[in-house]
PDB file of N, CA and C in Angstrom:
ATOM      1  N   MET A   1      86.562 134.246 114.680  1.00  0.00           N
ATOM      2  CA  MET A   1      86.758 135.432 115.479  1.00  0.00           C
ATOM      3  C   MET A   1      87.356 135.085 116.838  1.00  0.00           C
ATOM      4  N   ILE A   2      86.928 134.009 117.488  1.00  0.00           N
ATOM      5  CA  ILE A   2      87.451 133.666 118.811  1.00  0.00           C
ATOM      6  C   ILE A   2      88.631 132.731 118.655  1.00  0.00           C
ATOM      7  N   GLY A   3      89.749 133.086 119.282  1.00  0.00           N
ATOM      8  CA  GLY A   3      90.934 132.234 119.264  1.00  0.00           C
ATOM      9  C   GLY A   3      90.888 131.198 120.367  1.00  0.00           C
ATOM     10  N   TYR A   4      90.587 131.649 121.587  1.00  0.00           N
ATOM     11  CA  TYR A   4      90.446 130.731 122.716  1.00  0.00           C
ATOM     12  C   TYR A   4      89.723 131.419 123.849  1.00  0.00           C
ATOM     13  N   THR A   5      89.189 130.609 124.744  1.00  0.00           N
ATOM     14  CA  THR A   5      88.611 131.103 125.988  1.00  0.00           C
ATOM     15  C   THR A   5      89.542 130.684 127.115  1.00  0.00           C
ATOM     16  N   SER A   6      89.453 131.365 128.221  1.00  0.00           N
ATOM     17  CA  SER A   6      90.299 131.051 129.362  1.00  0.00           C
ATOM     18  C   SER A   6      89.502 131.223 130.642  1.00  0.00           C
ATOM     19  N   LEU A   7      89.506 130.184 131.473  1.00  0.00           N
ATOM     20  CA  LEU A   7      88.849 130.238 132.773  1.00  0.00           C
ATOM     21  C   LEU A   7      89.884 129.975 133.850  1.00  0.00           C
ATOM     22  N   GLY A   8      89.694 130.602 134.996  1.00  0.00           N
ATOM     23  CA  GLY A   8      90.615 130.419 136.105  1.00  0.00           C
ATOM     24  C   GLY A   8      90.250 129.225 136.953  1.00  0.00           C
ATOM     25  N   THR A   9      91.281 128.675 137.603  1.00  0.00           N
ATOM     26  CA  THR A   9      91.070 127.570 138.532  1.00  0.00           C
ATOM     27  C   THR A   9      91.929 127.759 139.768  1.00  0.00           C
ATOM     28  N   ASN A  10      91.454 127.224 140.874  1.00  0.00           N
ATOM     29  CA  ASN A  10      92.226 127.215 142.119  1.00  0.00           C
ATOM     30  C   ASN A  10      92.859 125.854 142.381  1.00  0.00           C
ATOM     31  N   ASN A  11      92.555 124.875 141.533  1.00  0.00           N
ATOM     32  CA  ASN A  11      93.152 123.553 141.659  1.00  0.00           C
ATOM     33  C   ASN A  11      93.324 122.986 140.255  1.00  0.00           C
ATOM     34  N   LEU A  12      94.479 123.233 139.667  1.00  0.00           N
ATOM     35  CA  LEU A  12      94.725 122.838 138.283  1.00  0.00           C
ATOM     36  C   LEU A  12      94.576 121.337 138.083  1.00  0.00           C
ATOM     37  N   ASP A  13      95.094 120.537 139.001  1.00  0.00           N
ATOM     38  CA  ASP A  13      95.020 119.081 138.836  1.00  0.00           C
ATOM     39  C   ASP A  13      93.578 118.587 138.770  1.00  0.00           C
ATOM     40  N   LEU A  14      92.735 119.019 139.703  1.00  0.00           N
ATOM     41  CA  LEU A  14      91.327 118.598 139.685  1.00  0.00           C
ATOM     42  C   LEU A  14      90.605 119.117 138.448  1.00  0.00           C
ATOM     43  N   SER A  15      90.884 120.357 138.092  1.00  0.00           N
ATOM     44  CA  SER A  15      90.245 120.955 136.934  1.00  0.00           C
ATOM     45  C   SER A  15      90.619 120.229 135.647  1.00  0.00           C
ATOM     46  N   VAL A  16      91.883 119.874 135.518  1.00  0.00           N
ATOM     47  CA  VAL A  16      92.349 119.168 134.322  1.00  0.00           C
ATOM     48  C   VAL A  16      91.672 117.799 134.217  1.00  0.00           C
ATOM     49  N   LYS A  17      91.550 117.082 135.311  1.00  0.00           N
ATOM     50  CA  LYS A  17      90.865 115.788 135.286  1.00  0.00           C
ATOM     51  C   LYS A  17      89.409 115.954 134.847  1.00  0.00           C
ATOM     52  N   PHE A  18      88.751 116.984 135.368  1.00  0.00           N
ATOM     53  CA  PHE A  18      87.361 117.286 135.024  1.00  0.00           C
ATOM     54  C   PHE A  18      87.236 117.535 133.520  1.00  0.00           C
ATOM     55  N   TYR A  19      88.050 118.441 132.987  1.00  0.00           N
ATOM     56  CA  TYR A  19      87.939 118.799 131.577  1.00  0.00           C
ATOM     57  C   TYR A  19      88.458 117.710 130.642  1.00  0.00           C
ATOM     58  N   ASP A  20      89.473 116.972 131.039  1.00  0.00           N
ATOM     59  CA  ASP A  20      89.910 115.843 130.211  1.00  0.00           C
ATOM     60  C   ASP A  20      88.746 114.891 129.955  1.00  0.00           C
ATOM     61  N   GLU A  21      87.996 114.592 131.004  1.00  0.00           N
ATOM     62  CA  GLU A  21      86.869 113.667 130.892  1.00  0.00           C
ATOM     63  C   GLU A  21      85.765 114.244 130.006  1.00  0.00           C
ATOM     64  N   LEU A  22      85.400 115.516 130.236  1.00  0.00           N
ATOM     65  CA  LEU A  22      84.343 116.118 129.430  1.00  0.00           C
ATOM     66  C   LEU A  22      84.746 116.231 127.966  1.00  0.00           C
ATOM     67  N   PHE A  23      85.952 116.703 127.724  1.00  0.00           N
ATOM     68  CA  PHE A  23      86.365 116.929 126.345  1.00  0.00           C
ATOM     69  C   PHE A  23      86.594 115.633 125.579  1.00  0.00           C
ATOM     70  N   SER A  24      86.864 114.543 126.286  1.00  0.00           N
ATOM     71  CA  SER A  24      86.977 113.255 125.588  1.00  0.00           C
ATOM     72  C   SER A  24      85.637 112.880 124.948  1.00  0.00           C
ATOM     73  N   LEU A  25      84.533 113.334 125.541  1.00  0.00           N
ATOM     74  CA  LEU A  25      83.204 113.073 124.995  1.00  0.00           C
ATOM     75  C   LEU A  25      82.929 113.886 123.737  1.00  0.00           C
ATOM     76  N   LEU A  26      83.713 114.959 123.540  1.00  0.00           N
ATOM     77  CA  LEU A  26      83.535 115.845 122.393  1.00  0.00           C
ATOM     78  C   LEU A  26      84.656 115.683 121.366  1.00  0.00           C
ATOM     79  N   ASN A  27      85.483 114.648 121.535  1.00  0.00           N
ATOM     80  CA  ASN A  27      86.628 114.403 120.649  1.00  0.00           C
ATOM     81  C   ASN A  27      87.594 115.587 120.604  1.00  0.00           C
ATOM     82  N   VAL A  28      87.794 116.199 121.764  1.00  0.00           N
ATOM     83  CA  VAL A  28      88.712 117.320 121.908  1.00  0.00           C
ATOM     84  C   VAL A  28      89.888 116.841 122.745  1.00  0.00           C
ATOM     85  N   LYS A  29      91.085 117.281 122.396  1.00  0.00           N
ATOM     86  CA  LYS A  29      92.293 116.808 123.085  1.00  0.00           C
ATOM     87  C   LYS A  29      93.114 117.977 123.614  1.00  0.00           C
ATOM     88  N   ARG A  30      94.053 117.642 124.475  1.00  0.00           N
ATOM     89  CA  ARG A  30      95.005 118.652 124.949  1.00  0.00           C
ATOM     90  C   ARG A  30      95.922 119.050 123.797  1.00  0.00           C
ATOM     91  N   LEU A  31      96.079 120.351 123.616  1.00  0.00           N
ATOM     92  CA  LEU A  31      96.971 120.857 122.578  1.00  0.00           C
ATOM     93  C   LEU A  31      98.235 121.478 123.154  1.00  0.00           C
ATOM     94  N   MET A  32      98.154 121.971 124.382  1.00  0.00           N
ATOM     95  CA  MET A  32      99.302 122.618 125.009  1.00  0.00           C
ATOM     96  C   MET A  32      99.227 122.413 126.515  1.00  0.00           C
ATOM     97  N   GLU A  33     100.364 122.100 127.115  1.00  0.00           N
ATOM     98  CA  GLU A  33     100.446 121.941 128.570  1.00  0.00           C
ATOM     99  C   GLU A  33     101.647 122.726 129.068  1.00  0.00           C
ATOM    100  N   VAL A  34     101.389 123.629 129.989  1.00  0.00           N
ATOM    101  CA  VAL A  34     102.423 124.423 130.633  1.00  0.00           C
ATOM    102  C   VAL A  34     102.191 124.292 132.135  1.00  0.00           C
ATOM    103  N   GLU A  35     103.122 124.678 132.929  1.00  0.00           N
ATOM    104  CA  GLU A  35     103.027 124.498 134.381  1.00  0.00           C
ATOM    105  C   GLU A  35     101.744 125.053 134.984  1.00  0.00           C
ATOM    106  N   ASP A  36     101.273 126.200 134.490  1.00  0.00           N
ATOM    107  CA  ASP A  36     100.120 126.839 135.116  1.00  0.00           C
ATOM    108  C   ASP A  36      98.875 126.904 134.231  1.00  0.00           C
ATOM    109  N   PHE A  37      98.896 126.257 133.069  1.00  0.00           N
ATOM    110  CA  PHE A  37      97.679 126.202 132.257  1.00  0.00           C
ATOM    111  C   PHE A  37      97.712 125.051 131.252  1.00  0.00           C
ATOM    112  N   ILE A  38      96.500 124.676 130.814  1.00  0.00           N
ATOM    113  CA  ILE A  38      96.305 123.625 129.817  1.00  0.00           C
ATOM    114  C   ILE A  38      95.349 124.177 128.759  1.00  0.00           C
ATOM    115  N   VAL A  39      95.609 123.838 127.494  1.00  0.00           N
ATOM    116  CA  VAL A  39      94.749 124.249 126.386  1.00  0.00           C
ATOM    117  C   VAL A  39      94.216 122.995 125.694  1.00  0.00           C
ATOM    118  N   TRP A  40      92.905 122.959 125.449  1.00  0.00           N
ATOM    119  CA  TRP A  40      92.253 121.879 124.724  1.00  0.00           C
ATOM    120  C   TRP A  40      91.675 122.419 123.426  1.00  0.00           C
ATOM    121  N   GLY A  41      91.585 121.562 122.425  1.00  0.00           N
ATOM    122  CA  GLY A  41      90.956 121.938 121.171  1.00  0.00           C
ATOM    123  C   GLY A  41      91.098 120.821 120.160  1.00  0.00           C
ATOM    124  N   THR A  42      90.642 121.077 118.956  1.00  0.00           N
ATOM    125  CA  THR A  42      90.840 120.118 117.879  1.00  0.00           C
ATOM    126  C   THR A  42      92.117 120.442 117.115  1.00  0.00           C
ATOM    127  N   ASP A  43      92.432 121.733 117.001  1.00  0.00           N
ATOM    128  CA  ASP A  43      93.692 122.206 116.437  1.00  0.00           C
ATOM    129  C   ASP A  43      93.800 123.697 116.745  1.00  0.00           C
ATOM    130  N   PHE A  44      94.960 124.285 116.483  1.00  0.00           N
ATOM    131  CA  PHE A  44      95.161 125.692 116.822  1.00  0.00           C
ATOM    132  C   PHE A  44      94.531 126.653 115.815  1.00  0.00           C
ATOM    133  N   ASN A  45      93.919 126.133 114.757  1.00  0.00           N
ATOM    134  CA  ASN A  45      93.258 126.990 113.786  1.00  0.00           C
ATOM    135  C   ASN A  45      91.768 127.132 114.055  1.00  0.00           C
ATOM    136  N   THR A  46      91.291 126.498 115.125  1.00  0.00           N
ATOM    137  CA  THR A  46      89.901 126.616 115.539  1.00  0.00           C
ATOM    138  C   THR A  46      89.899 127.092 116.996  1.00  0.00           C
ATOM    139  N   PRO A  47      88.783 127.635 117.475  1.00  0.00           N
ATOM    140  CA  PRO A  47      88.761 128.120 118.854  1.00  0.00           C
ATOM    141  C   PRO A  47      89.146 127.028 119.858  1.00  0.00           C
ATOM    142  N   CYS A  48      89.906 127.415 120.861  1.00  0.00           N
ATOM    143  CA  CYS A  48      90.371 126.507 121.902  1.00  0.00           C
ATOM    144  C   CYS A  48      89.830 126.935 123.259  1.00  0.00           C
ATOM    145  N   PHE A  49      90.018 126.087 124.238  1.00  0.00           N
ATOM    146  CA  PHE A  49      89.554 126.299 125.613  1.00  0.00           C
ATOM    147  C   PHE A  49      90.743 126.098 126.536  1.00  0.00           C
ATOM    148  N   SER A  50      90.910 126.981 127.508  1.00  0.00           N
ATOM    149  CA  SER A  50      92.032 126.810 128.434  1.00  0.00           C
ATOM    150  C   SER A  50      91.607 127.059 129.874  1.00  0.00           C
ATOM    151  N   ILE A  51      92.332 126.415 130.766  1.00  0.00           N
ATOM    152  CA  ILE A  51      92.191 126.593 132.215  1.00  0.00           C
ATOM    153  C   ILE A  51      93.533 127.106 132.720  1.00  0.00           C
ATOM    154  N   HIS A  52      93.489 128.135 133.551  1.00  0.00           N
ATOM    155  CA  HIS A  52      94.711 128.766 134.044  1.00  0.00           C
ATOM    156  C   HIS A  52      94.667 128.958 135.552  1.00  0.00           C
ATOM    157  N   VAL A  53      95.825 128.851 136.168  1.00  0.00           N
ATOM    158  CA  VAL A  53      96.008 129.361 137.517  1.00  0.00           C
ATOM    159  C   VAL A  53      96.237 130.858 137.332  1.00  0.00           C
ATOM    160  N   PRO A  54      95.555 131.734 138.067  1.00  0.00           N
ATOM    161  CA  PRO A  54      95.704 133.165 137.842  1.00  0.00           C
ATOM    162  C   PRO A  54      97.170 133.624 137.901  1.00  0.00           C
ATOM    163  N   PHE A  55      97.557 134.418 136.918  1.00  0.00           N
ATOM    164  CA  PHE A  55      98.918 134.922 136.785  1.00  0.00           C
ATOM    165  C   PHE A  55      99.343 135.775 137.982  1.00  0.00           C
ATOM    166  N   ASP A  56      98.389 136.527 138.548  1.00  0.00           N
ATOM    167  CA  ASP A  56      98.731 137.438 139.640  1.00  0.00           C
ATOM    168  C   ASP A  56      98.878 136.757 140.995  1.00  0.00           C
ATOM    169  N   GLY A  57      98.623 135.453 141.056  1.00  0.00           N
ATOM    170  CA  GLY A  57      98.778 134.720 142.309  1.00  0.00           C
ATOM    171  C   GLY A  57      97.580 134.797 143.229  1.00  0.00           C
ATOM    172  N   ASN A  58      96.595 135.596 142.903  1.00  0.00           N
ATOM    173  CA  ASN A  58      95.379 135.682 143.703  1.00  0.00           C
ATOM    174  C   ASN A  58      94.443 134.528 143.345  1.00  0.00           C
ATOM    175  N   PRO A  59      93.473 134.225 144.212  1.00  0.00           N
ATOM    176  CA  PRO A  59      92.538 133.148 143.914  1.00  0.00           C
ATOM    177  C   PRO A  59      91.735 133.425 142.640  1.00  0.00           C
ATOM    178  N   ALA A  60      91.431 132.374 141.907  1.00  0.00           N
ATOM    179  CA  ALA A  60      90.537 132.492 140.755  1.00  0.00           C
ATOM    180  C   ALA A  60      89.140 132.790 141.267  1.00  0.00           C
ATOM    181  N   THR A  61      88.439 133.674 140.587  1.00  0.00           N
ATOM    182  CA  THR A  61      87.063 134.002 140.931  1.00  0.00           C
ATOM    183  C   THR A  61      86.197 133.888 139.694  1.00  0.00           C
ATOM    184  N   VAL A  62      84.899 133.779 139.907  1.00  0.00           N
ATOM    185  CA  VAL A  62      83.944 133.621 138.818  1.00  0.00           C
ATOM    186  C   VAL A  62      83.487 134.999 138.359  1.00  0.00           C
ATOM    187  N   GLY A  63      83.413 135.198 137.049  1.00  0.00           N
ATOM    188  CA  GLY A  63      82.913 136.456 136.500  1.00  0.00           C
ATOM    189  C   GLY A  63      81.400 136.442 136.416  1.00  0.00           C
ATOM    190  N   ASN A  64      80.767 137.442 136.963  1.00  0.00           N
ATOM    191  CA  ASN A  64      79.318 137.550 136.912  1.00  0.00           C
ATOM    192  C   ASN A  64      78.903 137.861 135.475  1.00  0.00           C
ATOM    193  N   GLY A  65      78.089 136.996 134.890  1.00  0.00           N
ATOM    194  CA  GLY A  65      77.657 137.179 133.510  1.00  0.00           C
ATOM    195  C   GLY A  65      78.554 136.492 132.500  1.00  0.00           C
ATOM    196  N   VAL A  66      79.604 135.813 132.962  1.00  0.00           N
ATOM    197  CA  VAL A  66      80.535 135.117 132.069  1.00  0.00           C
ATOM    198  C   VAL A  66      80.098 133.663 131.922  1.00  0.00           C
ATOM    199  N   MET A  67      80.103 133.177 130.665  1.00  0.00           N
ATOM    200  CA  MET A  67      79.773 131.784 130.399  1.00  0.00           C
ATOM    201  C   MET A  67      80.502 131.367 129.129  1.00  0.00           C
ATOM    202  N   VAL A  68      80.967 130.135 129.108  1.00  0.00           N
ATOM    203  CA  VAL A  68      81.557 129.559 127.908  1.00  0.00           C
ATOM    204  C   VAL A  68      80.590 128.522 127.377  1.00  0.00           C
ATOM    205  N   ALA A  69      80.277 128.592 126.081  1.00  0.00           N
ATOM    206  CA  ALA A  69      79.347 127.664 125.446  1.00  0.00           C
ATOM    207  C   ALA A  69      80.123 126.689 124.567  1.00  0.00           C
ATOM    208  N   LEU A  70      79.845 125.409 124.752  1.00  0.00           N
ATOM    209  CA  LEU A  70      80.517 124.342 124.012  1.00  0.00           C
ATOM    210  C   LEU A  70      79.543 123.710 123.025  1.00  0.00           C
ATOM    211  N   ASN A  71      80.004 123.458 121.808  1.00  0.00           N
ATOM    212  CA  ASN A  71      79.175 122.824 120.780  1.00  0.00           C
ATOM    213  C   ASN A  71      79.128 121.317 120.954  1.00  0.00           C
ATOM    214  N   ALA A  72      77.958 120.756 120.737  1.00  0.00           N
ATOM    215  CA  ALA A  72      77.777 119.304 120.665  1.00  0.00           C
ATOM    216  C   ALA A  72      77.145 118.991 119.313  1.00  0.00           C
ATOM    217  N   THR A  73      77.281 117.766 118.873  1.00  0.00           N
ATOM    218  CA  THR A  73      76.740 117.394 117.566  1.00  0.00           C
ATOM    219  C   THR A  73      75.259 117.020 117.620  1.00  0.00           C
ATOM    220  N   ASN A  74      74.776 116.625 118.827  1.00  0.00           N
ATOM    221  CA  ASN A  74      73.379 116.202 118.914  1.00  0.00           C
ATOM    222  C   ASN A  74      72.900 116.264 120.367  1.00  0.00           C
ATOM    223  N   ARG A  75      71.616 116.037 120.562  1.00  0.00           N
ATOM    224  CA  ARG A  75      71.007 116.118 121.893  1.00  0.00           C
ATOM    225  C   ARG A  75      71.574 115.077 122.850  1.00  0.00           C
ATOM    226  N   GLU A  76      71.851 113.892 122.343  1.00  0.00           N
ATOM    227  CA  GLU A  76      72.397 112.839 123.201  1.00  0.00           C
ATOM    228  C   GLU A  76      73.748 113.250 123.778  1.00  0.00           C
ATOM    229  N   THR A  77      74.570 113.899 122.963  1.00  0.00           N
ATOM    230  CA  THR A  77      75.874 114.379 123.450  1.00  0.00           C
ATOM    231  C   THR A  77      75.687 115.472 124.490  1.00  0.00           C
ATOM    232  N   VAL A  78      74.722 116.354 124.268  1.00  0.00           N
ATOM    233  CA  VAL A  78      74.421 117.391 125.277  1.00  0.00           C
ATOM    234  C   VAL A  78      74.106 116.718 126.609  1.00  0.00           C
ATOM    235  N   LYS A  79      73.232 115.727 126.596  1.00  0.00           N
ATOM    236  CA  LYS A  79      72.849 115.032 127.829  1.00  0.00           C
ATOM    237  C   LYS A  79      74.041 114.309 128.455  1.00  0.00           C
ATOM    238  N   THR A  80      74.831 113.645 127.633  1.00  0.00           N
ATOM    239  CA  THR A  80      75.982 112.888 128.150  1.00  0.00           C
ATOM    240  C   THR A  80      77.007 113.809 128.797  1.00  0.00           C
ATOM    241  N   VAL A  81      77.342 114.906 128.133  1.00  0.00           N
ATOM    242  CA  VAL A  81      78.323 115.845 128.696  1.00  0.00           C
ATOM    243  C   VAL A  81      77.779 116.451 129.995  1.00  0.00           C
ATOM    244  N   TYR A  82      76.538 116.872 129.976  1.00  0.00           N
ATOM    245  CA  TYR A  82      75.917 117.454 131.174  1.00  0.00           C
ATOM    246  C   TYR A  82      75.925 116.456 132.339  1.00  0.00           C
ATOM    247  N   ASN A  83      75.461 115.236 132.088  1.00  0.00           N
ATOM    248  CA  ASN A  83      75.413 114.223 133.149  1.00  0.00           C
ATOM    249  C   ASN A  83      76.808 113.872 133.651  1.00  0.00           C
ATOM    250  N   THR A  84      77.768 113.775 132.757  1.00  0.00           N
ATOM    251  CA  THR A  84      79.146 113.487 133.165  1.00  0.00           C
ATOM    252  C   THR A  84      79.688 114.623 134.013  1.00  0.00           C
ATOM    253  N   ALA A  85      79.424 115.858 133.616  1.00  0.00           N
ATOM    254  CA  ALA A  85      79.874 117.010 134.402  1.00  0.00           C
ATOM    255  C   ALA A  85      79.333 116.927 135.835  1.00  0.00           C
ATOM    256  N   LEU A  86      78.052 116.615 135.981  1.00  0.00           N
ATOM    257  CA  LEU A  86      77.461 116.509 137.320  1.00  0.00           C
ATOM    258  C   LEU A  86      78.084 115.357 138.107  1.00  0.00           C
ATOM    259  N   GLU A  87      78.331 114.223 137.437  1.00  0.00           N
ATOM    260  CA  GLU A  87      78.971 113.084 138.106  1.00  0.00           C
ATOM    261  C   GLU A  87      80.375 113.440 138.596  1.00  0.00           C
ATOM    262  N   LEU A  88      81.040 114.357 137.888  1.00  0.00           N
ATOM    263  CA  LEU A  88      82.400 114.766 138.249  1.00  0.00           C
ATOM    264  C   LEU A  88      82.425 115.895 139.279  1.00  0.00           C
ATOM    265  N   GLY A  89      81.250 116.339 139.715  1.00  0.00           N
ATOM    266  CA  GLY A  89      81.189 117.353 140.770  1.00  0.00           C
ATOM    267  C   GLY A  89      80.679 118.713 140.352  1.00  0.00           C
ATOM    268  N   ALA A  90      80.293 118.878 139.094  1.00  0.00           N
ATOM    269  CA  ALA A  90      79.720 120.143 138.644  1.00  0.00           C
ATOM    270  C   ALA A  90      78.342 120.335 139.265  1.00  0.00           C
ATOM    271  N   SER A  91      77.861 121.566 139.249  1.00  0.00           N
ATOM    272  CA  SER A  91      76.516 121.834 139.753  1.00  0.00           C
ATOM    273  C   SER A  91      75.602 122.257 138.601  1.00  0.00           C
ATOM    274  N   CYS A  92      74.329 121.910 138.730  1.00  0.00           N
ATOM    275  CA  CYS A  92      73.341 122.185 137.693  1.00  0.00           C
ATOM    276  C   CYS A  92      72.994 123.667 137.645  1.00  0.00           C
ATOM    277  N   GLU A  93      72.936 124.204 136.439  1.00  0.00           N
ATOM    278  CA  GLU A  93      72.454 125.567 136.205  1.00  0.00           C
ATOM    279  C   GLU A  93      71.307 125.556 135.196  1.00  0.00           C
ATOM    280  N   GLY A  94      70.884 124.365 134.788  1.00  0.00           N
ATOM    281  CA  GLY A  94      69.784 124.230 133.838  1.00  0.00           C
ATOM    282  C   GLY A  94      69.875 122.889 133.134  1.00  0.00           C
ATOM    283  N   GLU A  95      68.909 122.025 133.378  1.00  0.00           N
ATOM    284  CA  GLU A  95      68.916 120.675 132.810  1.00  0.00           C
ATOM    285  C   GLU A  95      68.790 120.716 131.287  1.00  0.00           C
ATOM    286  N   PRO A  96      69.193 119.627 130.616  1.00  0.00           N
ATOM    287  CA  PRO A  96      69.079 119.570 129.158  1.00  0.00           C
ATOM    288  C   PRO A  96      67.634 119.747 128.701  1.00  0.00           C
ATOM    289  N   GLY A  97      67.487 120.538 127.647  1.00  0.00           N
ATOM    290  CA  GLY A  97      66.159 120.728 127.075  1.00  0.00           C
ATOM    291  C   GLY A  97      66.178 121.810 126.019  1.00  0.00           C
ATOM    292  N   PRO A  98      65.058 121.919 125.284  1.00  0.00           N
ATOM    293  CA  PRO A  98      64.957 122.967 124.268  1.00  0.00           C
ATOM    294  C   PRO A  98      64.862 124.336 124.936  1.00  0.00           C
ATOM    295  N   ARG A  99      65.433 125.316 124.272  1.00  0.00           N
ATOM    296  CA  ARG A  99      65.363 126.704 124.751  1.00  0.00           C
ATOM    297  C   ARG A  99      64.703 127.523 123.638  1.00  0.00           C
ATOM    298  N   GLY A 100      63.472 127.892 123.869  1.00  0.00           N
ATOM    299  CA  GLY A 100      62.733 128.611 122.841  1.00  0.00           C
ATOM    300  C   GLY A 100      62.294 127.670 121.731  1.00  0.00           C
ATOM    301  N   ASP A 101      61.919 128.247 120.600  1.00  0.00           N
ATOM    302  CA  ASP A 101      61.450 127.442 119.477  1.00  0.00           C
ATOM    303  C   ASP A 101      62.374 127.575 118.269  1.00  0.00           C
ATOM    304  N   THR A 102      63.658 127.768 118.525  1.00  0.00           N
ATOM    305  CA  THR A 102      64.639 127.978 117.451  1.00  0.00           C
ATOM    306  C   THR A 102      65.419 126.721 117.107  1.00  0.00           C
ATOM    307  N   GLY A 103      65.193 125.614 117.831  1.00  0.00           N
ATOM    308  CA  GLY A 103      65.986 124.400 117.632  1.00  0.00           C
ATOM    309  C   GLY A 103      67.214 124.354 118.526  1.00  0.00           C
ATOM    310  N   PHE A 104      67.362 125.351 119.388  1.00  0.00           N
ATOM    311  CA  PHE A 104      68.496 125.406 120.312  1.00  0.00           C
ATOM    312  C   PHE A 104      68.193 124.475 121.485  1.00  0.00           C
ATOM    313  N   TYR A 105      69.056 123.482 121.700  1.00  0.00           N
ATOM    314  CA  TYR A 105      68.901 122.495 122.768  1.00  0.00           C
ATOM    315  C   TYR A 105      70.137 122.603 123.642  1.00  0.00           C
ATOM    316  N   ALA A 106      69.966 122.835 124.942  1.00  0.00           N
ATOM    317  CA  ALA A 106      71.117 123.151 125.779  1.00  0.00           C
ATOM    318  C   ALA A 106      70.957 122.671 127.210  1.00  0.00           C
ATOM    319  N   ALA A 107      72.100 122.600 127.884  1.00  0.00           N
ATOM    320  CA  ALA A 107      72.174 122.352 129.321  1.00  0.00           C
ATOM    321  C   ALA A 107      73.247 123.286 129.882  1.00  0.00           C
ATOM    322  N   TYR A 108      73.114 123.616 131.140  1.00  0.00           N
ATOM    323  CA  TYR A 108      74.034 124.554 131.783  1.00  0.00           C
ATOM    324  C   TYR A 108      74.548 123.953 133.084  1.00  0.00           C
ATOM    325  N   PHE A 109      75.824 124.201 133.376  1.00  0.00           N
ATOM    326  CA  PHE A 109      76.416 123.714 134.622  1.00  0.00           C
ATOM    327  C   PHE A 109      77.577 124.603 135.027  1.00  0.00           C
ATOM    328  N   ARG A 110      77.973 124.463 136.289  1.00  0.00           N
ATOM    329  CA  ARG A 110      79.154 125.160 136.805  1.00  0.00           C
ATOM    330  C   ARG A 110      80.222 124.130 137.114  1.00  0.00           C
ATOM    331  N   ASP A 111      81.457 124.424 136.689  1.00  0.00           N
ATOM    332  CA  ASP A 111      82.561 123.497 136.922  1.00  0.00           C
ATOM    333  C   ASP A 111      82.976 123.506 138.389  1.00  0.00           C
ATOM    334  N   LEU A 112      84.051 122.854 138.710  1.00  0.00           N
ATOM    335  CA  LEU A 112      84.493 122.708 140.100  1.00  0.00           C
ATOM    336  C   LEU A 112      84.895 124.027 140.742  1.00  0.00           C
ATOM    337  N   ASP A 113      85.228 125.037 139.933  1.00  0.00           N
ATOM    338  CA  ASP A 113      85.587 126.366 140.441  1.00  0.00           C
ATOM    339  C   ASP A 113      84.424 127.344 140.376  1.00  0.00           C
ATOM    340  N   GLY A 114      83.266 126.880 139.904  1.00  0.00           N
ATOM    341  CA  GLY A 114      82.090 127.738 139.816  1.00  0.00           C
ATOM    342  C   GLY A 114      81.937 128.468 138.488  1.00  0.00           C
ATOM    343  N   ASN A 115      82.807 128.188 137.520  1.00  0.00           N
ATOM    344  CA  ASN A 115      82.682 128.793 136.192  1.00  0.00           C
ATOM    345  C   ASN A 115      81.466 128.209 135.485  1.00  0.00           C
ATOM    346  N   LYS A 116      80.670 129.075 134.839  1.00  0.00           N
ATOM    347  CA  LYS A 116      79.451 128.620 134.172  1.00  0.00           C
ATOM    348  C   LYS A 116      79.757 128.200 132.739  1.00  0.00           C
ATOM    349  N   LEU A 117      79.234 127.024 132.376  1.00  0.00           N
ATOM    350  CA  LEU A 117      79.372 126.502 131.021  1.00  0.00           C
ATOM    351  C   LEU A 117      78.020 126.075 130.482  1.00  0.00           C
ATOM    352  N   ASN A 118      77.945 126.038 129.173  1.00  0.00           N
ATOM    353  CA  ASN A 118      76.765 125.587 128.437  1.00  0.00           C
ATOM    354  C   ASN A 118      77.241 124.546 127.449  1.00  0.00           C
ATOM    355  N   ILE A 119      76.475 123.502 127.272  1.00  0.00           N
ATOM    356  CA  ILE A 119      76.708 122.524 126.207  1.00  0.00           C
ATOM    357  C   ILE A 119      75.428 122.538 125.375  1.00  0.00           C
ATOM    358  N   HIS A 120      75.566 122.683 124.041  1.00  0.00           N
ATOM    359  CA  HIS A 120      74.369 122.874 123.222  1.00  0.00           C
ATOM    360  C   HIS A 120      74.534 122.293 121.825  1.00  0.00           C
ATOM    361  N   CYS A 121      73.411 122.158 121.151  1.00  0.00           N
ATOM    362  CA  CYS A 121      73.378 121.809 119.733  1.00  0.00           C
ATOM    363  C   CYS A 121      72.167 122.484 119.124  1.00  0.00           C
ATOM    364  N   MET A 122      72.182 122.567 117.814  1.00  0.00           N
ATOM    365  CA  MET A 122      71.026 123.066 117.079  1.00  0.00           C
ATOM    366  C   MET A 122      70.383 121.845 116.417  1.00  0.00           C
ATOM    367  N   SER A 123      69.128 121.625 116.729  1.00  0.00           N
ATOM    368  CA  SER A 123      68.467 120.439 116.147  1.00  0.00           C
ATOM    369  C   SER A 123      67.039 120.740 115.775  1.00  0.00           C
TER     370      SER A 123
END
């Protein structure tokens, strides 16, 4: 159902370095590079993730209630991605741990532009 997600950035170069590092931990690569945006994914037939400089020329802002959730294969990957994000300048929005009793294990952080992300697995 989802083709891709798109988050805004005010500094494409810094944002790309941040996401290149995180996505390398998830075996995700750049699929498309254009002057004002980058798309990452495993292929174009699965959901992708993109970072854009806003088309209208105004500053990128964070959407209240907006979050992108990224899949991990296991708890160790959740911890590694979360810790790497913080080392790269992200801020904590919820440390790695179980959420409820459904087997959902997740961590939450905000990227360099304040966009909220989740990294999770079912275990």
